[in-house]
Structure formats: C-alpha cells, structure tokens
Protein backbone atom coordinates (compact mmCIF):
# COMPACT_ATOMS: atom_id res chain seq x y z
CA UNK A 1 0.28 -33.68 -1.34
CA UNK A 2 1.06 -29.96 -1.58
CA UNK A 3 -0.14 -27.52 1.06
CA UNK A 4 -2.94 -25.19 0.08
CA UNK A 5 -2.93 -21.41 0.37
CA UNK A 6 -5.32 -18.53 -0.25
CA UNK A 7 -5.44 -17.05 -3.75
CA UNK A 8 -7.44 -14.07 -4.95
CA UNK A 9 -7.68 -12.77 -8.50
CA UNK A 10 -9.14 -9.27 -8.55
CA UNK A 11 -9.86 -6.88 -11.42
CA UNK A 12 -11.30 -3.37 -11.15
CA UNK A 13 -14.66 -4.79 -12.25
CA UNK A 14 -14.94 -7.70 -9.82
CA UNK A 15 -13.42 -10.44 -7.71
CA UNK A 16 -12.90 -13.30 -10.17
CA UNK A 17 -11.63 -15.93 -7.77
CA UNK A 18 -11.08 -16.35 -4.03
CA UNK A 19 -10.19 -19.95 -3.24
CA UNK A 20 -7.82 -22.32 -1.48
CA UNK A 21 -5.35 -23.49 -4.11
CA UNK A 22 -2.26 -25.69 -4.28
CA UNK A 23 -0.48 -23.87 -7.10
CA UNK A 24 -0.73 -20.75 -9.27
CA UNK A 25 1.36 -20.00 -12.36
CA UNK A 26 1.45 -16.27 -13.12
CA UNK A 27 2.91 -14.37 -16.09
CA UNK A 28 5.34 -12.18 -14.16
CA UNK A 29 7.16 -9.50 -16.12
CA UNK A 30 10.47 -11.33 -15.73
CA UNK A 31 8.99 -14.71 -16.75
CA UNK A 32 6.44 -17.27 -15.63
CA UNK A 33 6.39 -17.79 -11.89
CA UNK A 34 4.92 -20.72 -9.96
CA UNK A 35 3.55 -19.82 -6.54
CA UNK A 36 2.98 -22.47 -3.88
CA UNK A 37 2.31 -22.43 -0.15
CA UNK A 38 5.09 -20.97 1.99
CA UNK A 39 6.49 -18.95 -0.92
CA UNK A 40 8.95 -16.23 0.05
CA UNK A 41 7.33 -12.78 0.28
CA UNK A 42 7.49 -11.24 -3.19
CA UNK A 43 5.84 -8.47 -5.14
CA UNK A 44 5.98 -8.58 -8.93
CA UNK A 45 4.42 -6.89 -11.92
CA UNK A 46 2.32 -8.96 -14.30
CA UNK A 47 2.37 -8.86 -18.09
CA UNK A 48 -0.53 -9.87 -20.34
CA UNK A 49 -0.82 -13.64 -20.26
CA UNK A 50 -2.54 -16.70 -18.86
CA UNK A 51 -2.82 -17.42 -15.13
CA UNK A 52 -3.17 -21.13 -14.39
CA UNK A 53 -4.77 -21.96 -11.04
CA UNK A 54 -4.75 -25.45 -9.51
CA UNK A 55 -7.57 -25.53 -6.97
CA UNK A 56 -7.32 -27.56 -3.75
CA UNK A 57 -9.66 -30.08 -5.43
CA UNK A 58 -7.09 -30.61 -8.19
CA UNK A 59 -9.17 -28.88 -10.86
CA UNK A 60 -7.23 -26.42 -13.03
CA UNK A 61 -8.81 -23.16 -14.18
CA UNK A 62 -7.24 -20.52 -16.41
CA UNK A 63 -7.68 -16.77 -16.65
CA UNK A 64 -6.30 -14.18 -19.05
CA UNK A 65 -4.86 -11.06 -17.41
CA UNK A 66 -3.84 -7.81 -19.08
CA UNK A 67 -1.21 -6.49 -16.70
CA UNK A 68 -1.22 -5.73 -12.99
CA UNK A 69 0.80 -6.95 -10.04
CA UNK A 70 0.93 -9.84 -7.58
CA UNK A 71 1.54 -9.70 -3.85
CA UNK A 72 2.84 -13.03 -2.58
CA UNK A 73 3.23 -14.00 1.08
CA UNK A 74 3.80 -17.45 2.64
CA UNK A 75 0.07 -17.88 3.36
CA UNK A 76 -1.35 -16.54 0.10
CA UNK A 77 -1.19 -14.64 -3.15
CA UNK A 78 -3.29 -11.73 -4.37
CA UNK A 79 -3.16 -10.87 -8.05
CA UNK A 80 -4.51 -7.40 -8.82
CA UNK A 81 -5.10 -7.35 -12.56
CA UNK A 82 -5.64 -4.26 -14.70
CA UNK A 83 -8.20 -6.41 -16.50
CA UNK A 84 -8.95 -10.14 -16.33
CA UNK A 85 -11.36 -12.68 -17.76
CA UNK A 86 -11.79 -16.45 -17.56
CA UNK A 87 -9.99 -18.03 -20.53
CA UNK A 88 -13.25 -19.69 -21.57
CA UNK A 89 -14.94 -16.25 -21.75
CA UNK A 90 -12.29 -14.58 -23.94
CA UNK A 91 -13.18 -14.21 -27.57
CA UNK A 92 -10.89 -13.36 -30.49
CA UNK A 93 -12.73 -10.10 -31.20
CA UNK A 94 -11.98 -8.75 -27.72
CA UNK A 95 -8.28 -9.53 -28.01
CA UNK A 96 -8.10 -8.19 -31.58
CA UNK A 97 -9.73 -4.96 -30.40
CA UNK A 98 -7.09 -4.56 -27.66
CA UNK A 99 -4.33 -5.10 -30.26
CA UNK A 100 -5.90 -2.54 -32.62
CA UNK A 101 -6.26 -0.01 -29.80
CA UNK A 102 -2.62 -0.48 -28.78
CA UNK A 103 -1.46 -0.02 -32.39
CA UNK A 104 -3.51 3.17 -32.75
CA UNK A 105 -2.14 4.54 -29.48
CA UNK A 106 1.40 3.65 -30.58
CA UNK A 107 0.98 5.64 -33.80
CA UNK A 108 -0.30 8.65 -31.90
CA UNK A 109 2.30 8.78 -29.13
CA UNK A 110 5.27 11.11 -29.26
CA UNK A 111 6.97 10.20 -25.99
CA UNK A 112 9.87 7.78 -26.47
CA UNK A 113 9.28 6.23 -23.02
CA UNK A 114 5.55 5.74 -23.65
CA UNK A 115 6.29 4.36 -27.13
CA UNK A 116 8.67 1.77 -25.62
CA UNK A 117 6.05 0.64 -23.07
CA UNK A 118 3.39 0.41 -25.79
CA UNK A 119 5.67 -1.61 -28.07
CA UNK A 120 6.30 -4.06 -25.23
CA UNK A 121 2.57 -4.25 -24.40
CA UNK A 122 1.72 -4.82 -28.09
CA UNK A 123 4.35 -7.56 -28.29
CA UNK A 124 2.85 -9.24 -25.21
CA UNK A 125 -0.69 -9.01 -26.63
CA UNK A 126 0.46 -10.45 -29.96
CA UNK A 127 2.21 -13.31 -28.13
CA UNK A 128 -0.95 -13.93 -26.09
CA UNK A 129 -3.00 -13.97 -29.30
CA UNK A 130 -0.64 -16.64 -30.68
CA UNK A 131 -1.06 -18.75 -27.55
CA UNK A 132 -4.83 -18.54 -27.77
CA UNK A 133 -4.89 -19.45 -31.46
CA UNK A 134 -2.76 -22.54 -30.73
CA UNK A 135 -5.01 -23.58 -27.81
C-alpha cells in the first residue's frame, strides 16, 4: 500500500481540496506528472488540464485547472491554480466561453511574445475541450 501525503488544491476563489492522498496526477507544462509520497522537491508550472487525485480511501476525484503552479515536497504537494473547478461541475458553456475569450484576445494582441503564449493557451484549452467531449 502506498504512503499517503498532504495535498491541497487552491484557486484564488477558494480551497477546493485539502486531504491525505496516495497519488496525484497533474498536467505539468512539460507533460503529465504523477506525485506520490516522498517525491523529490520540485516546482513546476501547470497547463490547463485535468488533475486526478487518489484519496487515501482509494476514491478518485478529478478537477479541471486552468494554469498555475505546483510546489512538491516529500511530505506533500500544493497546487495553486489560476482557476479550478471539480470536473463534475464544469459545463461546456464555461469552457467554450474561455476558448472564445482567448481567441478574441489573440486577435487583439500585437506583441509577438503575448501572441505565442495565447496560441499555446488556446491549444491547451482546445485539447482539454476534446478530452471532455470524449469523457
């Protein structure tokens, strides 16, 4: 049986989860990352995607995050999300609105650097939309 560790998922609006867990899969910018107890200290940025949390009880819950970063230490992991919602609470209209807003901002931007970040963000949102449609 895997050791448990502390996990917190925090958004600017609220604390979504603070529990003992055995495993967390996060959408790190460089690829999905599984965090378990005694993980090496790491800090990583998060891209829009699904966070899968396996509670100490064995139950799995999922959350959708829209960017942020994770601070991982051997005894725990804190994910500070720019925005987050339980997967069961996400509706297609909310995600479609985020995609529309990103497209509008992309059209209006003149900075090459900002345009590149927006294109990447839009690509990640579109990918996330595809995952949710398939689910």
